[in-house]
PDB file of N, CA and C in Angstrom:
ATOM      1  N   MET A   1     111.490 108.049  90.667  1.00  0.00           N
ATOM      2  CA  MET A   1     110.117 107.789  90.992  1.00  0.00           C
ATOM      3  C   MET A   1     109.451 107.051  89.829  1.00  0.00           C
ATOM      4  N   ARG A   2     108.729 105.983  90.147  1.00  0.00           N
ATOM      5  CA  ARG A   2     108.055 105.179  89.121  1.00  0.00           C
ATOM      6  C   ARG A   2     106.648 105.721  88.875  1.00  0.00           C
ATOM      7  N   LEU A   3     106.311 105.921  87.603  1.00  0.00           N
ATOM      8  CA  LEU A   3     105.017 106.481  87.222  1.00  0.00           C
ATOM      9  C   LEU A   3     104.283 105.521  86.296  1.00  0.00           C
ATOM     10  N   GLY A   4     103.001 105.305  86.565  1.00  0.00           N
ATOM     11  CA  GLY A   4     102.128 104.550  85.670  1.00  0.00           C
ATOM     12  C   GLY A   4     101.062 105.495  85.137  1.00  0.00           C
ATOM     13  N   ILE A   5     100.721 105.347  83.872  1.00  0.00           N
ATOM     14  CA  ILE A   5      99.727 106.220  83.240  1.00  0.00           C
ATOM     15  C   ILE A   5      98.611 105.351  82.678  1.00  0.00           C
ATOM     16  N   VAL A   6      97.373 105.613  83.127  1.00  0.00           N
ATOM     17  CA  VAL A   6      96.223 104.814  82.694  1.00  0.00           C
ATOM     18  C   VAL A   6      95.168 105.731  82.082  1.00  0.00           C
ATOM     19  N   ASP A   7      94.905 105.530  80.802  1.00  0.00           N
ATOM     20  CA  ASP A   7      93.867 106.277  80.095  1.00  0.00           C
ATOM     21  C   ASP A   7      93.551 105.513  78.823  1.00  0.00           C
ATOM     22  N   ASP A   8      92.284 105.497  78.434  1.00  0.00           N
ATOM     23  CA  ASP A   8      91.934 104.765  77.214  1.00  0.00           C
ATOM     24  C   ASP A   8      92.332 105.522  75.956  1.00  0.00           C
ATOM     25  N   SER A   9      92.739 106.776  76.098  1.00  0.00           N
ATOM     26  CA  SER A   9      93.199 107.570  74.954  1.00  0.00           C
ATOM     27  C   SER A   9      94.726 107.576  74.900  1.00  0.00           C
ATOM     28  N   SER A  10      95.280 107.055  73.802  1.00  0.00           N
ATOM     29  CA  SER A  10      96.741 107.061  73.664  1.00  0.00           C
ATOM     30  C   SER A  10      97.265 108.490  73.597  1.00  0.00           C
ATOM     31  N   ILE A  11      96.492 109.397  73.049  1.00  0.00           N
ATOM     32  CA  ILE A  11      96.894 110.815  72.991  1.00  0.00           C
ATOM     33  C   ILE A  11      97.017 111.369  74.406  1.00  0.00           C
ATOM     34  N   MET A  12      96.065 111.046  75.267  1.00  0.00           N
ATOM     35  CA  MET A  12      96.102 111.529  76.654  1.00  0.00           C
ATOM     36  C   MET A  12      97.287 110.919  77.397  1.00  0.00           C
ATOM     37  N   ARG A  13      97.568 109.637  77.174  1.00  0.00           N
ATOM     38  CA  ARG A  13      98.725 109.004  77.842  1.00  0.00           C
ATOM     39  C   ARG A  13     100.015 109.712  77.444  1.00  0.00           C
ATOM     40  N   LYS A  14     100.171 109.990  76.151  1.00  0.00           N
ATOM     41  CA  LYS A  14     101.376 110.688  75.677  1.00  0.00           C
ATOM     42  C   LYS A  14     101.442 112.116  76.217  1.00  0.00           C
ATOM     43  N   THR A  15     100.289 112.778  76.292  1.00  0.00           N
ATOM     44  CA  THR A  15     100.235 114.156  76.799  1.00  0.00           C
ATOM     45  C   THR A  15     100.678 114.207  78.257  1.00  0.00           C
ATOM     46  N   ILE A  16     100.166 113.298  79.069  1.00  0.00           N
ATOM     47  CA  ILE A  16     100.537 113.259  80.489  1.00  0.00           C
ATOM     48  C   ILE A  16     102.037 113.028  80.619  1.00  0.00           C
ATOM     49  N   GLU A  17     102.550 112.088  79.846  1.00  0.00           N
ATOM     50  CA  GLU A  17     103.990 111.800  79.892  1.00  0.00           C
ATOM     51  C   GLU A  17     104.791 113.040  79.502  1.00  0.00           C
ATOM     52  N   LYS A  18     104.353 113.746  78.464  1.00  0.00           N
ATOM     53  CA  LYS A  18     105.053 114.951  78.009  1.00  0.00           C
ATOM     54  C   LYS A  18     105.009 116.051  79.079  1.00  0.00           C
ATOM     55  N   TYR A  19     103.839 116.244  79.679  1.00  0.00           N
ATOM     56  CA  TYR A  19     103.696 117.282  80.708  1.00  0.00           C
ATOM     57  C   TYR A  19     104.599 117.030  81.910  1.00  0.00           C
ATOM     58  N   LEU A  20     104.876 115.769  82.211  1.00  0.00           N
ATOM     59  CA  LEU A  20     105.687 115.428  83.383  1.00  0.00           C
ATOM     60  C   LEU A  20     107.148 115.170  83.035  1.00  0.00           C
ATOM     61  N   ASP A  21     107.526 115.553  81.842  1.00  0.00           N
ATOM     62  CA  ASP A  21     108.882 115.357  81.349  1.00  0.00           C
ATOM     63  C   ASP A  21     109.942 116.052  82.214  1.00  0.00           C
ATOM     64  N   ASP A  22     109.569 117.173  82.834  1.00  0.00           N
ATOM     65  CA  ASP A  22     110.508 117.947  83.671  1.00  0.00           C
ATOM     66  C   ASP A  22     110.842 117.238  84.984  1.00  0.00           C
ATOM     67  N   TYR A  23     110.038 116.273  85.357  1.00  0.00           N
ATOM     68  CA  TYR A  23     110.206 115.609  86.647  1.00  0.00           C
ATOM     69  C   TYR A  23     111.128 114.397  86.512  1.00  0.00           C
ATOM     70  N   ASP A  24     111.702 114.016  87.633  1.00  0.00           N
ATOM     71  CA  ASP A  24     112.571 112.849  87.663  1.00  0.00           C
ATOM     72  C   ASP A  24     111.706 111.604  87.832  1.00  0.00           C
ATOM     73  N   VAL A  25     110.980 111.256  86.747  1.00  0.00           N
ATOM     74  CA  VAL A  25     110.105 110.095  86.792  1.00  0.00           C
ATOM     75  C   VAL A  25     110.493 109.109  85.701  1.00  0.00           C
ATOM     76  N   ASN A  26     110.244 107.862  85.994  1.00  0.00           N
ATOM     77  CA  ASN A  26     110.457 106.792  85.037  1.00  0.00           C
ATOM     78  C   ASN A  26     109.085 106.178  84.764  1.00  0.00           C
ATOM     79  N   VAL A  27     108.575 106.348  83.554  1.00  0.00           N
ATOM     80  CA  VAL A  27     107.279 105.758  83.210  1.00  0.00           C
ATOM     81  C   VAL A  27     107.487 104.252  83.086  1.00  0.00           C
ATOM     82  N   VAL A  28     106.963 103.521  84.076  1.00  0.00           N
ATOM     83  CA  VAL A  28     107.178 102.071  84.113  1.00  0.00           C
ATOM     84  C   VAL A  28     106.145 101.317  83.292  1.00  0.00           C
ATOM     85  N   GLY A  29     105.045 101.981  82.967  1.00  0.00           N
ATOM     86  CA  GLY A  29     104.030 101.321  82.169  1.00  0.00           C
ATOM     87  C   GLY A  29     102.842 102.207  81.909  1.00  0.00           C
ATOM     88  N   THR A  30     102.106 101.856  80.858  1.00  0.00           N
ATOM     89  CA  THR A  30     100.859 102.538  80.544  1.00  0.00           C
ATOM     90  C   THR A  30      99.785 101.470  80.363  1.00  0.00           C
ATOM     91  N   ALA A  31      98.535 101.887  80.536  1.00  0.00           N
ATOM     92  CA  ALA A  31      97.416 100.971  80.383  1.00  0.00           C
ATOM     93  C   ALA A  31      96.234 101.725  79.791  1.00  0.00           C
ATOM     94  N   SER A  32      95.364 100.982  79.081  1.00  0.00           N
ATOM     95  CA  SER A  32      94.233 101.628  78.428  1.00  0.00           C
ATOM     96  C   SER A  32      92.886 101.257  79.053  1.00  0.00           C
ATOM     97  N   ASN A  33      92.910 100.454  80.109  1.00  0.00           N
ATOM     98  CA  ASN A  33      91.664 100.143  80.829  1.00  0.00           C
ATOM     99  C   ASN A  33      92.008  99.677  82.246  1.00  0.00           C
ATOM    100  N   GLY A  34      90.974  99.486  83.059  1.00  0.00           N
ATOM    101  CA  GLY A  34      91.181  99.131  84.456  1.00  0.00           C
ATOM    102  C   GLY A  34      91.831  97.777  84.676  1.00  0.00           C
ATOM    103  N   VAL A  35      91.521  96.817  83.812  1.00  0.00           N
ATOM    104  CA  VAL A  35      92.127  95.487  83.938  1.00  0.00           C
ATOM    105  C   VAL A  35      93.638  95.589  83.731  1.00  0.00           C
ATOM    106  N   GLU A  36      94.041  96.306  82.680  1.00  0.00           N
ATOM    107  CA  GLU A  36      95.474  96.510  82.421  1.00  0.00           C
ATOM    108  C   GLU A  36      96.119  97.318  83.547  1.00  0.00           C
ATOM    109  N   ALA A  37      95.363  98.270  84.110  1.00  0.00           N
ATOM    110  CA  ALA A  37      95.894  99.098  85.208  1.00  0.00           C
ATOM    111  C   ALA A  37      96.272  98.237  86.403  1.00  0.00           C
ATOM    112  N   ILE A  38      95.416  97.283  86.735  1.00  0.00           N
ATOM    113  CA  ILE A  38      95.696  96.386  87.870  1.00  0.00           C
ATOM    114  C   ILE A  38      96.950  95.573  87.593  1.00  0.00           C
ATOM    115  N   LYS A  39      97.089  95.063  86.366  1.00  0.00           N
ATOM    116  CA  LYS A  39      98.295  94.302  85.999  1.00  0.00           C
ATOM    117  C   LYS A  39      99.535  95.182  86.079  1.00  0.00           C
ATOM    118  N   LEU A  40      99.417  96.418  85.621  1.00  0.00           N
ATOM    119  CA  LEU A  40     100.546  97.359  85.671  1.00  0.00           C
ATOM    120  C   LEU A  40     101.006  97.536  87.125  1.00  0.00           C
ATOM    121  N   VAL A  41     100.049  97.741  88.018  1.00  0.00           N
ATOM    122  CA  VAL A  41     100.382  97.934  89.437  1.00  0.00           C
ATOM    123  C   VAL A  41     100.987  96.669  90.028  1.00  0.00           C
ATOM    124  N   GLN A  42     100.432  95.508  89.700  1.00  0.00           N
ATOM    125  CA  GLN A  42     100.979  94.239  90.214  1.00  0.00           C
ATOM    126  C   GLN A  42     102.410  94.001  89.742  1.00  0.00           C
ATOM    127  N   ASN A  43     102.715  94.423  88.517  1.00  0.00           N
ATOM    128  CA  ASN A  43     104.042  94.182  87.948  1.00  0.00           C
ATOM    129  C   ASN A  43     105.082  95.216  88.362  1.00  0.00           C
ATOM    130  N   TYR A  44     104.673  96.477  88.525  1.00  0.00           N
ATOM    131  CA  TYR A  44     105.661  97.551  88.697  1.00  0.00           C
ATOM    132  C   TYR A  44     105.536  98.347  89.996  1.00  0.00           C
ATOM    133  N   TYR A  45     104.438  98.228  90.711  1.00  0.00           N
ATOM    134  CA  TYR A  45     104.230  98.998  91.939  1.00  0.00           C
ATOM    135  C   TYR A  45     104.687 100.454  91.782  1.00  0.00           C
ATOM    136  N   PRO A  46     104.023 101.212  90.894  1.00  0.00           N
ATOM    137  CA  PRO A  46     104.449 102.605  90.687  1.00  0.00           C
ATOM    138  C   PRO A  46     104.256 103.447  91.948  1.00  0.00           C
ATOM    139  N   ASP A  47     105.102 104.453  92.083  1.00  0.00           N
ATOM    140  CA  ASP A  47     104.962 105.392  93.203  1.00  0.00           C
ATOM    141  C   ASP A  47     103.734 106.272  92.982  1.00  0.00           C
ATOM    142  N   ILE A  48     103.528 106.660  91.708  1.00  0.00           N
ATOM    143  CA  ILE A  48     102.405 107.513  91.332  1.00  0.00           C
ATOM    144  C   ILE A  48     101.725 106.899  90.116  1.00  0.00           C
ATOM    145  N   LEU A  49     100.392 106.983  90.104  1.00  0.00           N
ATOM    146  CA  LEU A  49      99.601 106.454  89.000  1.00  0.00           C
ATOM    147  C   LEU A  49      98.563 107.496  88.599  1.00  0.00           C
ATOM    148  N   THR A  50      98.516 107.847  87.316  1.00  0.00           N
ATOM    149  CA  THR A  50      97.406 108.674  86.836  1.00  0.00           C
ATOM    150  C   THR A  50      96.347 107.701  86.329  1.00  0.00           C
ATOM    151  N   LEU A  51      95.084 107.974  86.650  1.00  0.00           N
ATOM    152  CA  LEU A  51      94.019 107.010  86.380  1.00  0.00           C
ATOM    153  C   LEU A  51      92.784 107.703  85.834  1.00  0.00           C
ATOM    154  N   ASP A  52      92.390 107.300  84.626  1.00  0.00           N
ATOM    155  CA  ASP A  52      91.145 107.778  84.023  1.00  0.00           C
ATOM    156  C   ASP A  52      89.972 107.040  84.685  1.00  0.00           C
ATOM    157  N   ILE A  53      88.774 107.616  84.609  1.00  0.00           N
ATOM    158  CA  ILE A  53      87.598 106.955  85.179  1.00  0.00           C
ATOM    159  C   ILE A  53      86.830 106.175  84.111  1.00  0.00           C
ATOM    160  N   THR A  54      86.496 106.837  83.012  1.00  0.00           N
ATOM    161  CA  THR A  54      85.665 106.218  81.983  1.00  0.00           C
ATOM    162  C   THR A  54      86.544 105.459  80.992  1.00  0.00           C
ATOM    163  N   MET A  55      86.557 104.135  81.139  1.00  0.00           N
ATOM    164  CA  MET A  55      87.379 103.279  80.278  1.00  0.00           C
ATOM    165  C   MET A  55      86.622 101.993  79.981  1.00  0.00           C
ATOM    166  N   PRO A  56      86.981 101.318  78.888  1.00  0.00           N
ATOM    167  CA  PRO A  56      86.355 100.024  78.585  1.00  0.00           C
ATOM    168  C   PRO A  56      86.844  98.925  79.532  1.00  0.00           C
ATOM    169  N   GLU A  57      86.140  97.829  79.552  1.00  0.00           N
ATOM    170  CA  GLU A  57      86.431  96.624  80.341  1.00  0.00           C
ATOM    171  C   GLU A  57      86.240  96.817  81.842  1.00  0.00           C
ATOM    172  N   MET A  58      86.949  97.763  82.433  1.00  0.00           N
ATOM    173  CA  MET A  58      86.783  98.062  83.863  1.00  0.00           C
ATOM    174  C   MET A  58      87.056  99.546  84.058  1.00  0.00           C
ATOM    175  N   ASP A  59      86.117 100.227  84.708  1.00  0.00           N
ATOM    176  CA  ASP A  59      86.292 101.674  84.890  1.00  0.00           C
ATOM    177  C   ASP A  59      87.315 101.978  85.984  1.00  0.00           C
ATOM    178  N   GLY A  60      87.692 103.239  86.060  1.00  0.00           N
ATOM    179  CA  GLY A  60      88.729 103.657  86.983  1.00  0.00           C
ATOM    180  C   GLY A  60      88.371 103.501  88.444  1.00  0.00           C
ATOM    181  N   LEU A  61      87.119 103.780  88.812  1.00  0.00           N
ATOM    182  CA  LEU A  61      86.743 103.658  90.221  1.00  0.00           C
ATOM    183  C   LEU A  61      86.795 102.204  90.686  1.00  0.00           C
ATOM    184  N   THR A  62      86.355 101.287  89.841  1.00  0.00           N
ATOM    185  CA  THR A  62      86.408  99.859  90.191  1.00  0.00           C
ATOM    186  C   THR A  62      87.857  99.396  90.306  1.00  0.00           C
ATOM    187  N   SER A  63      88.674  99.779  89.336  1.00  0.00           N
ATOM    188  CA  SER A  63      90.080  99.354  89.387  1.00  0.00           C
ATOM    189  C   SER A  63      90.817 100.027  90.539  1.00  0.00           C
ATOM    190  N   LEU A  64      90.422 101.250  90.901  1.00  0.00           N
ATOM    191  CA  LEU A  64      91.060 101.963  92.014  1.00  0.00           C
ATOM    192  C   LEU A  64      90.944 101.160  93.309  1.00  0.00           C
ATOM    193  N   GLU A  65      89.768 100.575  93.542  1.00  0.00           N
ATOM    194  CA  GLU A  65      89.596  99.762  94.752  1.00  0.00           C
ATOM    195  C   GLU A  65      90.595  98.608  94.789  1.00  0.00           C
ATOM    196  N   GLU A  66      90.759  97.929  93.661  1.00  0.00           N
ATOM    197  CA  GLU A  66      91.702  96.806  93.588  1.00  0.00           C
ATOM    198  C   GLU A  66      93.147  97.292  93.728  1.00  0.00           C
ATOM    199  N   ILE A  67      93.454  98.397  93.075  1.00  0.00           N
ATOM    200  CA  ILE A  67      94.813  98.955  93.127  1.00  0.00           C
ATOM    201  C   ILE A  67      95.189  99.295  94.569  1.00  0.00           C
ATOM    202  N   MET A  68      94.256  99.857  95.315  1.00  0.00           N
ATOM    203  CA  MET A  68      94.543 100.232  96.705  1.00  0.00           C
ATOM    204  C   MET A  68      94.766  98.999  97.581  1.00  0.00           C
ATOM    205  N   LYS A  69      94.123  97.876  97.230  1.00  0.00           N
ATOM    206  CA  LYS A  69      94.356  96.632  97.977  1.00  0.00           C
ATOM    207  C   LYS A  69      95.756  96.089  97.680  1.00  0.00           C
ATOM    208  N   ILE A  70      96.173  96.192  96.413  1.00  0.00           N
ATOM    209  CA  ILE A  70      97.461  95.655  95.978  1.00  0.00           C
ATOM    210  C   ILE A  70      98.618  96.536  96.442  1.00  0.00           C
ATOM    211  N   ALA A  71      98.452  97.850  96.261  1.00  0.00           N
ATOM    212  CA  ALA A  71      99.552  98.794  96.524  1.00  0.00           C
ATOM    213  C   ALA A  71      99.014 100.059  97.182  1.00  0.00           C
ATOM    214  N   PRO A  72      98.659  99.970  98.469  1.00  0.00           N
ATOM    215  CA  PRO A  72      98.070 101.129  99.146  1.00  0.00           C
ATOM    216  C   PRO A  72      99.002 102.341  99.225  1.00  0.00           C
ATOM    217  N   GLU A  73     100.305 102.109  99.039  1.00  0.00           N
ATOM    218  CA  GLU A  73     101.264 103.223  99.097  1.00  0.00           C
ATOM    219  C   GLU A  73     101.338 103.993  97.771  1.00  0.00           C
ATOM    220  N   THR A  74     100.760 103.449  96.696  1.00  0.00           N
ATOM    221  CA  THR A  74     100.758 104.150  95.408  1.00  0.00           C
ATOM    222  C   THR A  74      99.844 105.366  95.495  1.00  0.00           C
ATOM    223  N   LYS A  75     100.367 106.511  95.085  1.00  0.00           N
ATOM    224  CA  LYS A  75      99.577 107.746  95.074  1.00  0.00           C
ATOM    225  C   LYS A  75      98.880 107.835  93.721  1.00  0.00           C
ATOM    226  N   VAL A  76      97.553 107.893  93.744  1.00  0.00           N
ATOM    227  CA  VAL A  76      96.763 107.895  92.517  1.00  0.00           C
ATOM    228  C   VAL A  76      96.149 109.275  92.291  1.00  0.00           C
ATOM    229  N   ILE A  77      96.389 109.810  91.090  1.00  0.00           N
ATOM    230  CA  ILE A  77      95.710 111.034  90.655  1.00  0.00           C
ATOM    231  C   ILE A  77      94.681 110.608  89.613  1.00  0.00           C
ATOM    232  N   VAL A  78      93.415 110.824  89.927  1.00  0.00           N
ATOM    233  CA  VAL A  78      92.355 110.517  88.979  1.00  0.00           C
ATOM    234  C   VAL A  78      92.224 111.701  88.025  1.00  0.00           C
ATOM    235  N   ILE A  79      92.221 111.404  86.732  1.00  0.00           N
ATOM    236  CA  ILE A  79      92.040 112.439  85.708  1.00  0.00           C
ATOM    237  C   ILE A  79      90.819 112.033  84.901  1.00  0.00           C
ATOM    238  N   THR A  80      89.745 112.820  84.997  1.00  0.00           N
ATOM    239  CA  THR A  80      88.477 112.398  84.423  1.00  0.00           C
ATOM    240  C   THR A  80      87.757 113.480  83.634  1.00  0.00           C
ATOM    241  N   ALA A  81      86.998 113.045  82.652  1.00  0.00           N
ATOM    242  CA  ALA A  81      86.140 113.956  81.886  1.00  0.00           C
ATOM    243  C   ALA A  81      84.811 114.153  82.612  1.00  0.00           C
ATOM    244  N   LEU A  82      84.525 113.312  83.598  1.00  0.00           N
ATOM    245  CA  LEU A  82      83.295 113.455  84.382  1.00  0.00           C
ATOM    246  C   LEU A  82      83.497 114.593  85.367  1.00  0.00           C
ATOM    247  N   SER A  83      82.903 115.733  85.069  1.00  0.00           N
ATOM    248  CA  SER A  83      83.221 116.934  85.865  1.00  0.00           C
ATOM    249  C   SER A  83      82.282 117.149  87.049  1.00  0.00           C
ATOM    250  N   ASP A  84      81.571 116.098  87.472  1.00  0.00           N
ATOM    251  CA  ASP A  84      80.748 116.272  88.669  1.00  0.00           C
ATOM    252  C   ASP A  84      81.591 116.003  89.905  1.00  0.00           C
ATOM    253  N   LYS A  85      81.358 116.774  90.930  1.00  0.00           N
ATOM    254  CA  LYS A  85      82.153 116.672  92.154  1.00  0.00           C
ATOM    255  C   LYS A  85      81.991 115.304  92.832  1.00  0.00           C
ATOM    256  N   LEU A  86      80.826 114.681  92.682  1.00  0.00           N
ATOM    257  CA  LEU A  86      80.581 113.393  93.319  1.00  0.00           C
ATOM    258  C   LEU A  86      81.579 112.338  92.848  1.00  0.00           C
ATOM    259  N   THR A  87      81.900 112.338  91.563  1.00  0.00           N
ATOM    260  CA  THR A  87      82.880 111.379  91.034  1.00  0.00           C
ATOM    261  C   THR A  87      84.233 111.589  91.700  1.00  0.00           C
ATOM    262  N   GLY A  88      84.650 112.839  91.826  1.00  0.00           N
ATOM    263  CA  GLY A  88      85.912 113.147  92.489  1.00  0.00           C
ATOM    264  C   GLY A  88      85.906 112.713  93.944  1.00  0.00           C
ATOM    265  N   LEU A  89      84.793 112.957  94.625  1.00  0.00           N
ATOM    266  CA  LEU A  89      84.692 112.562  96.033  1.00  0.00           C
ATOM    267  C   LEU A  89      84.704 111.045  96.187  1.00  0.00           C
ATOM    268  N   LYS A  90      84.040 110.344  95.269  1.00  0.00           N
ATOM    269  CA  LYS A  90      84.071 108.869  95.304  1.00  0.00           C
ATOM    270  C   LYS A  90      85.500 108.363  95.126  1.00  0.00           C
ATOM    271  N   ALA A  91      86.226 108.996  94.205  1.00  0.00           N
ATOM    272  CA  ALA A  91      87.616 108.589  93.966  1.00  0.00           C
ATOM    273  C   ALA A  91      88.457 108.801  95.214  1.00  0.00           C
ATOM    274  N   LEU A  92      88.292 109.949  95.872  1.00  0.00           N
ATOM    275  CA  LEU A  92      89.048 110.219  97.105  1.00  0.00           C
ATOM    276  C   LEU A  92      88.671 109.217  98.188  1.00  0.00           C
ATOM    277  N   ASP A  93      87.386 108.899  98.268  1.00  0.00           N
ATOM    278  CA  ASP A  93      86.898 107.951  99.259  1.00  0.00           C
ATOM    279  C   ASP A  93      87.500 106.563  99.039  1.00  0.00           C
ATOM    280  N   LYS A  94      87.757 106.212  97.790  1.00  0.00           N
ATOM    281  CA  LYS A  94      88.301 104.887  97.456  1.00  0.00           C
ATOM    282  C   LYS A  94      89.830 104.855  97.517  1.00  0.00           C
ATOM    283  N   GLY A  95      90.456 105.986  97.852  1.00  0.00           N
ATOM    284  CA  GLY A  95      91.898 105.970  98.061  1.00  0.00           C
ATOM    285  C   GLY A  95      92.721 106.875  97.167  1.00  0.00           C
ATOM    286  N   ALA A  96      92.093 107.575  96.219  1.00  0.00           N
ATOM    287  CA  ALA A  96      92.855 108.482  95.357  1.00  0.00           C
ATOM    288  C   ALA A  96      93.436 109.619  96.190  1.00  0.00           C
ATOM    289  N   ALA A  97      94.612 110.083  95.795  1.00  0.00           N
ATOM    290  CA  ALA A  97      95.272 111.188  96.493  1.00  0.00           C
ATOM    291  C   ALA A  97      94.812 112.534  95.948  1.00  0.00           C
ATOM    292  N   GLY A  98      94.192 112.538  94.763  1.00  0.00           N
ATOM    293  CA  GLY A  98      93.703 113.776  94.166  1.00  0.00           C
ATOM    294  C   GLY A  98      93.005 113.491  92.861  1.00  0.00           C
ATOM    295  N   TYR A  99      92.356 114.532  92.318  1.00  0.00           N
ATOM    296  CA  TYR A  99      91.711 114.358  91.021  1.00  0.00           C
ATOM    297  C   TYR A  99      91.737 115.654  90.235  1.00  0.00           C
ATOM    298  N   LEU A 100      91.745 115.494  88.929  1.00  0.00           N
ATOM    299  CA  LEU A 100      91.724 116.610  87.985  1.00  0.00           C
ATOM    300  C   LEU A 100      90.644 116.338  86.956  1.00  0.00           C
ATOM    301  N   PHE A 101      90.076 117.424  86.418  1.00  0.00           N
ATOM    302  CA  PHE A 101      89.086 117.279  85.364  1.00  0.00           C
ATOM    303  C   PHE A 101      89.724 117.542  84.011  1.00  0.00           C
ATOM    304  N   LYS A 102      89.312 116.750  83.018  1.00  0.00           N
ATOM    305  CA  LYS A 102      89.764 116.976  81.643  1.00  0.00           C
ATOM    306  C   LYS A 102      88.968 118.130  81.056  1.00  0.00           C
ATOM    307  N   PRO A 103      89.493 118.883  80.130  1.00  0.00           N
ATOM    308  CA  PRO A 103      90.843 118.716  79.595  1.00  0.00           C
ATOM    309  C   PRO A 103      91.874 119.218  80.609  1.00  0.00           C
ATOM    310  N   VAL A 104      92.873 118.416  80.845  1.00  0.00           N
ATOM    311  CA  VAL A 104      93.922 118.776  81.799  1.00  0.00           C
ATOM    312  C   VAL A 104      95.005 119.531  81.036  1.00  0.00           C
ATOM    313  N   ASN A 105      95.544 120.553  81.680  1.00  0.00           N
ATOM    314  CA  ASN A 105      96.651 121.264  81.039  1.00  0.00           C
ATOM    315  C   ASN A 105      97.929 121.040  81.844  1.00  0.00           C
ATOM    316  N   SER A 106      99.022 121.446  81.273  1.00  0.00           N
ATOM    317  CA  SER A 106     100.333 121.222  81.878  1.00  0.00           C
ATOM    318  C   SER A 106     100.409 121.813  83.285  1.00  0.00           C
ATOM    319  N   GLU A 107      99.921 123.024  83.439  1.00  0.00           N
ATOM    320  CA  GLU A 107     100.019 123.719  84.734  1.00  0.00           C
ATOM    321  C   GLU A 107      99.240 122.986  85.827  1.00  0.00           C
ATOM    322  N   ASN A 108      97.997 122.572  85.529  1.00  0.00           N
ATOM    323  CA  ASN A 108      97.188 121.871  86.529  1.00  0.00           C
ATOM    324  C   ASN A 108      97.799 120.533  86.915  1.00  0.00           C
ATOM    325  N   LEU A 109      98.297 119.800  85.927  1.00  0.00           N
ATOM    326  CA  LEU A 109      98.902 118.497  86.207  1.00  0.00           C
ATOM    327  C   LEU A 109     100.161 118.665  87.055  1.00  0.00           C
ATOM    328  N   LYS A 110     100.983 119.646  86.730  1.00  0.00           N
ATOM    329  CA  LYS A 110     102.206 119.873  87.501  1.00  0.00           C
ATOM    330  C   LYS A 110     101.897 120.293  88.938  1.00  0.00           C
ATOM    331  N   LYS A 111     100.862 121.114  89.134  1.00  0.00           N
ATOM    332  CA  LYS A 111     100.466 121.513  90.494  1.00  0.00           C
ATOM    333  C   LYS A 111     100.030 120.290  91.304  1.00  0.00           C
ATOM    334  N   ALA A 112      99.209 119.444  90.694  1.00  0.00           N
ATOM    335  CA  ALA A 112      98.743 118.242  91.383  1.00  0.00           C
ATOM    336  C   ALA A 112      99.915 117.314  91.695  1.00  0.00           C
ATOM    337  N   PHE A 113     100.829 117.197  90.746  1.00  0.00           N
ATOM    338  CA  PHE A 113     102.003 116.339  90.908  1.00  0.00           C
ATOM    339  C   PHE A 113     102.892 116.881  92.034  1.00  0.00           C
ATOM    340  N   ASP A 114     103.099 118.191  92.051  1.00  0.00           N
ATOM    341  CA  ASP A 114     103.898 118.805  93.114  1.00  0.00           C
ATOM    342  C   ASP A 114     103.300 118.534  94.494  1.00  0.00           C
ATOM    343  N   LYS A 115     101.979 118.624  94.607  1.00  0.00           N
ATOM    344  CA  LYS A 115     101.323 118.357  95.888  1.00  0.00           C
ATOM    345  C   LYS A 115     101.585 116.924  96.332  1.00  0.00           C
ATOM    346  N   LEU A 116     101.516 115.989  95.394  1.00  0.00           N
ATOM    347  CA  LEU A 116     101.754 114.588  95.739  1.00  0.00           C
ATOM    348  C   LEU A 116     103.186 114.355  96.212  1.00  0.00           C
ATOM    349  N   ILE A 117     104.117 114.950  95.507  1.00  0.00           N
ATOM    350  CA  ILE A 117     105.529 114.774  95.865  1.00  0.00           C
ATOM    351  C   ILE A 117     105.795 115.360  97.247  1.00  0.00           C
ATOM    352  N   LEU A 118     105.217 116.499  97.538  1.00  0.00           N
ATOM    353  CA  LEU A 118     105.433 117.142  98.840  1.00  0.00           C
ATOM    354  C   LEU A 118     104.804 116.357  99.978  1.00  0.00           C
ATOM    355  N   ARG A 119     103.773 115.567  99.681  1.00  0.00           N
ATOM    356  CA  ARG A 119     103.110 114.775 100.731  1.00  0.00           C
ATOM    357  C   ARG A 119     103.918 113.566 101.152  1.00  0.00           C
ATOM    358  N   LYS A 120     104.952 113.226 100.426  1.00  0.00           N
ATOM    359  CA  LYS A 120     105.722 112.013 100.758  1.00  0.00           C
ATOM    360  C   LYS A 120     106.471 112.182 102.051  1.00  0.00           C
TER     361      LYS A 120
END
């Protein structure tokens, strides 16, 4: 399974990768903003993409719309520090398969990941 990780924090990108180490995933690319996220999807068409909302250049919700046009089959998990439910609902409305609030821990990420895998 191809995985893309998008977050403006390199620590968060590494953390997500570490938390998903138990899974049979190949991290095909990482990105630090929405513009890079779109390029990552265009180049690698990941099966699953983790996507931050608050990023420089282009935020996650804006890039999510473009990502869904390019690769509607990609399952996107939004991981955000914005803990209001409206942000999560907007993400789902724009095509995200799920969302988590930061700080994310290993258990929550694995549960969300398991749900995505089972939906295939």
